[in-house]
Amino acid sequence: MSKPVCVVWNNDAKAYEQALARAGLTDQFEMHSLKIDQPLPDDLAARADILLGWRPGSYLKNMPRLRYIQAMTAGVDPWLASPDLSREVTLCCARGSHRISMPENILGALFHLTKP
């Protein structure tokens, strides 16, 4: 049986690879990392089962095996509005992932702005 092909289309792909390694799952996937500004090669798109990415695009129509998308954003409205997103794909969002960092960032900005 072949391993699921996972595309991590993110500038911080190394963190995801390290997390898989810590969990002992590295050998369970065929991993491919792309920077956000790199195009998704057609041959890789055709084989991908899993996508971790920021935004949808016309590349989705070239991904017939795609079954799972992990959106890097809290909302998935742009993904749902994409005409190229198959109904067969499970779409997950990053809701809650900014639960601590976002309030800290906002408080830091407020302190900076109100500092005499």
N, C-alpha and C. Protein backbone atom coordinates (compact mmCIF):
# COMPACT_ATOMS: atom_id res chain seq x y z
N MET A 1 0.85 -1.18 0.00
CA MET A 1 0.00 0.00 0.00
C MET A 1 0.89 1.25 0.00
N SER A 2 0.56 2.22 -0.82
CA SER A 2 1.36 3.44 -0.90
C SER A 2 0.98 4.38 0.24
N LYS A 3 1.94 5.22 0.58
CA LYS A 3 1.74 6.20 1.64
C LYS A 3 0.94 7.38 1.10
N PRO A 4 0.11 8.01 1.94
CA PRO A 4 -0.57 9.23 1.51
C PRO A 4 0.45 10.32 1.19
N VAL A 5 0.20 11.05 0.12
CA VAL A 5 1.08 12.13 -0.30
C VAL A 5 0.57 13.41 0.34
N CYS A 6 1.44 14.04 1.13
CA CYS A 6 1.08 15.24 1.88
C CYS A 6 1.91 16.42 1.38
N VAL A 7 1.22 17.51 1.03
CA VAL A 7 1.88 18.72 0.58
C VAL A 7 1.71 19.78 1.67
N VAL A 8 2.84 20.24 2.21
CA VAL A 8 2.84 21.31 3.20
C VAL A 8 3.28 22.56 2.46
N TRP A 9 2.32 23.42 2.14
CA TRP A 9 2.56 24.63 1.34
C TRP A 9 2.59 25.81 2.30
N ASN A 10 3.73 25.95 2.97
CA ASN A 10 3.84 26.87 4.09
C ASN A 10 5.31 27.21 4.27
N ASN A 11 5.62 28.42 4.61
CA ASN A 11 7.02 28.81 4.80
C ASN A 11 7.64 28.18 6.04
N ASP A 12 6.84 27.62 6.92
CA ASP A 12 7.33 26.99 8.15
C ASP A 12 7.14 25.48 8.13
N ALA A 13 7.32 24.87 6.99
CA ALA A 13 7.08 23.44 6.83
C ALA A 13 7.95 22.59 7.75
N LYS A 14 9.13 23.06 8.07
CA LYS A 14 10.05 22.30 8.91
C LYS A 14 9.41 21.98 10.27
N ALA A 15 8.64 22.90 10.82
CA ALA A 15 7.98 22.66 12.11
C ALA A 15 7.01 21.48 12.03
N TYR A 16 6.31 21.34 10.90
CA TYR A 16 5.37 20.24 10.74
C TYR A 16 6.11 18.92 10.55
N GLU A 17 7.20 18.96 9.83
CA GLU A 17 8.02 17.76 9.64
C GLU A 17 8.60 17.30 10.99
N GLN A 18 9.05 18.24 11.81
CA GLN A 18 9.60 17.90 13.12
C GLN A 18 8.51 17.33 14.03
N ALA A 19 7.31 17.88 13.96
CA ALA A 19 6.20 17.36 14.78
C ALA A 19 5.86 15.93 14.39
N LEU A 20 5.86 15.64 13.10
CA LEU A 20 5.61 14.26 12.65
C LEU A 20 6.72 13.33 13.14
N ALA A 21 7.94 13.81 13.10
CA ALA A 21 9.07 13.01 13.56
C ALA A 21 8.95 12.71 15.06
N ARG A 22 8.61 13.73 15.86
CA ARG A 22 8.45 13.54 17.30
C ARG A 22 7.34 12.54 17.60
N ALA A 23 6.31 12.54 16.77
CA ALA A 23 5.19 11.62 16.97
C ALA A 23 5.46 10.23 16.39
N GLY A 24 6.61 10.08 15.74
CA GLY A 24 6.95 8.79 15.15
C GLY A 24 6.15 8.47 13.91
N LEU A 25 5.69 9.50 13.19
CA LEU A 25 4.82 9.28 12.02
C LEU A 25 5.48 9.59 10.68
N THR A 26 6.75 9.92 10.69
CA THR A 26 7.43 10.33 9.47
C THR A 26 7.31 9.29 8.36
N ASP A 27 7.43 8.03 8.72
CA ASP A 27 7.39 6.98 7.70
C ASP A 27 5.97 6.66 7.22
N GLN A 28 4.97 7.33 7.78
CA GLN A 28 3.57 7.08 7.39
C GLN A 28 3.12 7.93 6.21
N PHE A 29 3.92 8.96 5.84
CA PHE A 29 3.53 9.89 4.79
C PHE A 29 4.68 10.10 3.80
N GLU A 30 4.31 10.43 2.59
CA GLU A 30 5.27 10.95 1.62
C GLU A 30 5.11 12.47 1.68
N MET A 31 6.07 13.13 2.31
CA MET A 31 5.96 14.57 2.57
C MET A 31 6.65 15.40 1.49
N HIS A 32 6.00 16.51 1.13
CA HIS A 32 6.57 17.47 0.19
C HIS A 32 6.33 18.86 0.75
N SER A 33 7.39 19.66 0.82
CA SER A 33 7.30 21.01 1.36
C SER A 33 7.51 22.03 0.26
N LEU A 34 6.64 23.03 0.22
CA LEU A 34 6.77 24.14 -0.72
C LEU A 34 6.66 25.44 0.04
N LYS A 35 7.42 26.43 -0.37
CA LYS A 35 7.26 27.78 0.16
C LYS A 35 6.00 28.38 -0.47
N ILE A 36 5.40 29.35 0.18
CA ILE A 36 4.15 29.94 -0.30
C ILE A 36 4.28 30.52 -1.70
N ASP A 37 5.44 31.07 -2.00
CA ASP A 37 5.62 31.69 -3.32
C ASP A 37 6.00 30.70 -4.41
N GLN A 38 6.16 29.42 -4.07
CA GLN A 38 6.47 28.41 -5.08
C GLN A 38 5.19 27.86 -5.69
N PRO A 39 5.20 27.60 -6.99
CA PRO A 39 4.02 26.98 -7.60
C PRO A 39 3.95 25.50 -7.25
N LEU A 40 2.74 24.98 -7.23
CA LEU A 40 2.53 23.55 -6.99
C LEU A 40 2.73 22.82 -8.31
N PRO A 41 3.75 21.97 -8.43
CA PRO A 41 3.97 21.25 -9.68
C PRO A 41 2.78 20.35 -10.03
N ASP A 42 2.43 20.29 -11.29
CA ASP A 42 1.28 19.50 -11.74
C ASP A 42 1.39 18.03 -11.35
N ASP A 43 2.59 17.45 -11.47
CA ASP A 43 2.74 16.03 -11.14
C ASP A 43 2.52 15.77 -9.66
N LEU A 44 2.94 16.70 -8.81
CA LEU A 44 2.70 16.57 -7.37
C LEU A 44 1.22 16.79 -7.05
N ALA A 45 0.61 17.77 -7.68
CA ALA A 45 -0.82 18.03 -7.48
C ALA A 45 -1.65 16.80 -7.82
N ALA A 46 -1.29 16.11 -8.87
CA ALA A 46 -2.05 14.93 -9.32
C ALA A 46 -1.96 13.78 -8.32
N ARG A 47 -0.90 13.74 -7.52
CA ARG A 47 -0.70 12.64 -6.56
C ARG A 47 -1.08 12.99 -5.13
N ALA A 48 -1.33 14.26 -4.83
CA ALA A 48 -1.54 14.70 -3.44
C ALA A 48 -2.86 14.22 -2.86
N ASP A 49 -2.78 13.69 -1.65
CA ASP A 49 -3.97 13.28 -0.89
C ASP A 49 -4.32 14.30 0.19
N ILE A 50 -3.28 14.99 0.70
CA ILE A 50 -3.43 15.91 1.82
C ILE A 50 -2.75 17.23 1.46
N LEU A 51 -3.40 18.33 1.81
CA LEU A 51 -2.83 19.65 1.56
C LEU A 51 -2.94 20.50 2.81
N LEU A 52 -1.83 21.09 3.21
CA LEU A 52 -1.83 22.07 4.27
C LEU A 52 -1.45 23.38 3.60
N GLY A 53 -2.38 24.35 3.58
CA GLY A 53 -2.10 25.57 2.83
C GLY A 53 -2.90 26.76 3.31
N TRP A 54 -2.56 27.91 2.73
CA TRP A 54 -3.15 29.18 3.12
C TRP A 54 -4.38 29.58 2.35
N ARG A 55 -4.40 29.32 1.04
CA ARG A 55 -5.53 29.82 0.24
C ARG A 55 -5.81 28.90 -0.94
N PRO A 56 -7.06 28.87 -1.35
CA PRO A 56 -7.42 28.04 -2.49
C PRO A 56 -6.96 28.68 -3.80
N GLY A 57 -6.98 27.90 -4.82
CA GLY A 57 -6.63 28.40 -6.14
C GLY A 57 -7.04 27.42 -7.21
N SER A 58 -6.76 27.78 -8.43
CA SER A 58 -7.15 26.93 -9.55
C SER A 58 -6.39 25.60 -9.55
N TYR A 59 -5.33 25.51 -8.76
CA TYR A 59 -4.57 24.27 -8.66
C TYR A 59 -5.45 23.12 -8.13
N LEU A 60 -6.52 23.44 -7.40
CA LEU A 60 -7.38 22.40 -6.82
C LEU A 60 -7.99 21.50 -7.89
N LYS A 61 -8.26 22.04 -9.07
CA LYS A 61 -8.86 21.21 -10.12
C LYS A 61 -7.88 20.18 -10.66
N ASN A 62 -6.58 20.35 -10.35
CA ASN A 62 -5.55 19.40 -10.78
C ASN A 62 -5.21 18.39 -9.69
N MET A 63 -6.07 18.31 -8.67
CA MET A 63 -5.79 17.43 -7.53
C MET A 63 -6.91 16.39 -7.36
N PRO A 64 -6.99 15.41 -8.26
CA PRO A 64 -8.10 14.45 -8.21
C PRO A 64 -8.07 13.52 -7.00
N ARG A 65 -6.92 13.32 -6.39
CA ARG A 65 -6.81 12.40 -5.24
C ARG A 65 -6.98 13.13 -3.91
N LEU A 66 -7.06 14.44 -3.92
CA LEU A 66 -7.12 15.23 -2.69
C LEU A 66 -8.33 14.83 -1.85
N ARG A 67 -8.09 14.52 -0.57
CA ARG A 67 -9.17 14.11 0.32
C ARG A 67 -9.23 14.94 1.59
N TYR A 68 -8.16 15.71 1.88
CA TYR A 68 -8.11 16.43 3.14
C TYR A 68 -7.33 17.72 2.96
N ILE A 69 -7.90 18.83 3.44
CA ILE A 69 -7.21 20.12 3.43
C ILE A 69 -7.20 20.67 4.85
N GLN A 70 -6.02 21.04 5.31
CA GLN A 70 -5.89 21.77 6.57
C GLN A 70 -5.59 23.21 6.20
N ALA A 71 -6.59 24.07 6.33
CA ALA A 71 -6.40 25.49 6.05
C ALA A 71 -5.62 26.11 7.20
N MET A 72 -4.72 27.00 6.89
CA MET A 72 -3.90 27.65 7.90
C MET A 72 -4.60 28.85 8.52
N THR A 73 -5.79 29.14 8.08
CA THR A 73 -6.55 30.28 8.56
C THR A 73 -7.68 29.80 9.47
N ALA A 74 -8.18 30.72 10.30
CA ALA A 74 -9.29 30.38 11.19
C ALA A 74 -10.60 30.22 10.43
N GLY A 75 -10.76 30.98 9.36
CA GLY A 75 -11.97 30.88 8.54
C GLY A 75 -11.68 30.16 7.23
N VAL A 76 -12.72 29.57 6.67
CA VAL A 76 -12.54 28.82 5.42
C VAL A 76 -13.45 29.33 4.30
N ASP A 77 -14.02 30.52 4.47
CA ASP A 77 -14.94 31.06 3.46
C ASP A 77 -14.33 31.09 2.06
N PRO A 78 -13.08 31.54 1.90
CA PRO A 78 -12.51 31.53 0.54
C PRO A 78 -12.41 30.11 -0.05
N TRP A 79 -12.14 29.14 0.81
CA TRP A 79 -12.06 27.75 0.33
C TRP A 79 -13.45 27.28 -0.11
N LEU A 80 -14.46 27.56 0.70
CA LEU A 80 -15.82 27.13 0.38
C LEU A 80 -16.34 27.80 -0.88
N ALA A 81 -15.88 29.02 -1.14
CA ALA A 81 -16.32 29.75 -2.33
C ALA A 81 -15.59 29.31 -3.60
N SER A 82 -14.56 28.51 -3.45
CA SER A 82 -13.78 28.08 -4.61
C SER A 82 -14.57 27.07 -5.46
N PRO A 83 -14.76 27.36 -6.74
CA PRO A 83 -15.48 26.42 -7.60
C PRO A 83 -14.69 25.14 -7.85
N ASP A 84 -13.40 25.15 -7.54
CA ASP A 84 -12.55 23.99 -7.79
C ASP A 84 -12.43 23.05 -6.60
N LEU A 85 -13.09 23.38 -5.48
CA LEU A 85 -13.04 22.52 -4.30
C LEU A 85 -14.06 21.40 -4.45
N SER A 86 -13.57 20.18 -4.43
CA SER A 86 -14.44 19.00 -4.57
C SER A 86 -15.25 18.77 -3.29
N ARG A 87 -16.45 18.26 -3.45
CA ARG A 87 -17.30 17.93 -2.30
C ARG A 87 -16.73 16.75 -1.52
N GLU A 88 -15.82 16.01 -2.13
CA GLU A 88 -15.22 14.83 -1.49
C GLU A 88 -14.11 15.18 -0.52
N VAL A 89 -13.71 16.45 -0.47
CA VAL A 89 -12.58 16.87 0.35
C VAL A 89 -13.06 17.28 1.74
N THR A 90 -12.38 16.78 2.76
CA THR A 90 -12.62 17.21 4.13
C THR A 90 -11.80 18.47 4.35
N LEU A 91 -12.47 19.54 4.75
CA LEU A 91 -11.82 20.84 4.93
C LEU A 91 -11.81 21.19 6.42
N CYS A 92 -10.62 21.43 6.95
CA CYS A 92 -10.46 21.79 8.36
C CYS A 92 -9.81 23.17 8.45
N CYS A 93 -10.14 23.89 9.50
CA CYS A 93 -9.57 25.23 9.67
C CYS A 93 -8.69 25.27 10.92
N ALA A 94 -8.04 26.40 11.12
CA ALA A 94 -7.14 26.58 12.27
C ALA A 94 -7.82 27.36 13.38
N ARG A 95 -9.14 27.25 13.47
CA ARG A 95 -9.88 27.97 14.49
C ARG A 95 -9.35 27.60 15.88
N GLY A 96 -9.08 28.61 16.67
CA GLY A 96 -8.59 28.40 18.02
C GLY A 96 -7.07 28.39 18.13
N SER A 97 -6.38 28.29 17.01
CA SER A 97 -4.92 28.22 17.07
C SER A 97 -4.28 29.53 17.46
N HIS A 98 -5.04 30.62 17.37
CA HIS A 98 -4.50 31.93 17.73
C HIS A 98 -5.06 32.40 19.08
N ARG A 99 -5.62 31.50 19.82
CA ARG A 99 -6.31 31.80 21.07
C ARG A 99 -5.42 32.53 22.07
N ILE A 100 -4.15 32.19 22.13
CA ILE A 100 -3.24 32.83 23.08
C ILE A 100 -2.41 33.92 22.41
N SER A 101 -1.85 33.63 21.26
CA SER A 101 -0.94 34.58 20.62
C SER A 101 -1.63 35.86 20.16
N MET A 102 -2.85 35.78 19.68
CA MET A 102 -3.53 36.98 19.19
C MET A 102 -3.85 37.96 20.32
N PRO A 103 -4.44 37.53 21.44
CA PRO A 103 -4.67 38.49 22.52
C PRO A 103 -3.38 39.09 23.06
N GLU A 104 -2.32 38.28 23.14
CA GLU A 104 -1.03 38.82 23.59
C GLU A 104 -0.53 39.90 22.63
N ASN A 105 -0.68 39.66 21.35
CA ASN A 105 -0.25 40.62 20.35
C ASN A 105 -1.05 41.92 20.45
N ILE A 106 -2.35 41.79 20.64
CA ILE A 106 -3.22 42.97 20.76
C ILE A 106 -2.86 43.77 22.02
N LEU A 107 -2.67 43.08 23.14
CA LEU A 107 -2.29 43.78 24.38
C LEU A 107 -0.94 44.49 24.22
N GLY A 108 0.02 43.82 23.58
CA GLY A 108 1.31 44.45 23.34
C GLY A 108 1.18 45.72 22.50
N ALA A 109 0.33 45.67 21.47
CA ALA A 109 0.11 46.84 20.62
C ALA A 109 -0.55 47.97 21.41
N LEU A 110 -1.53 47.61 22.25
CA LEU A 110 -2.20 48.63 23.08
C LEU A 110 -1.22 49.28 24.06
N PHE A 111 -0.37 48.46 24.69
CA PHE A 111 0.62 49.02 25.62
C PHE A 111 1.56 49.95 24.87
N HIS A 112 1.97 49.56 23.69
CA HIS A 112 2.89 50.38 22.90
C HIS A 112 2.24 51.71 22.52
N LEU A 113 0.99 51.66 22.11
CA LEU A 113 0.29 52.86 21.67
C LEU A 113 -0.02 53.82 22.82
N THR A 114 -0.25 53.29 24.00
CA THR A 114 -0.65 54.14 25.13
C THR A 114 0.53 54.50 26.03
N LYS A 115 1.67 54.00 25.75
CA LYS A 115 2.86 54.29 26.55
C LYS A 115 3.25 55.77 26.38
N PRO A 116 3.44 56.49 27.51
CA PRO A 116 3.81 57.91 27.40
C PRO A 116 5.20 58.10 26.80
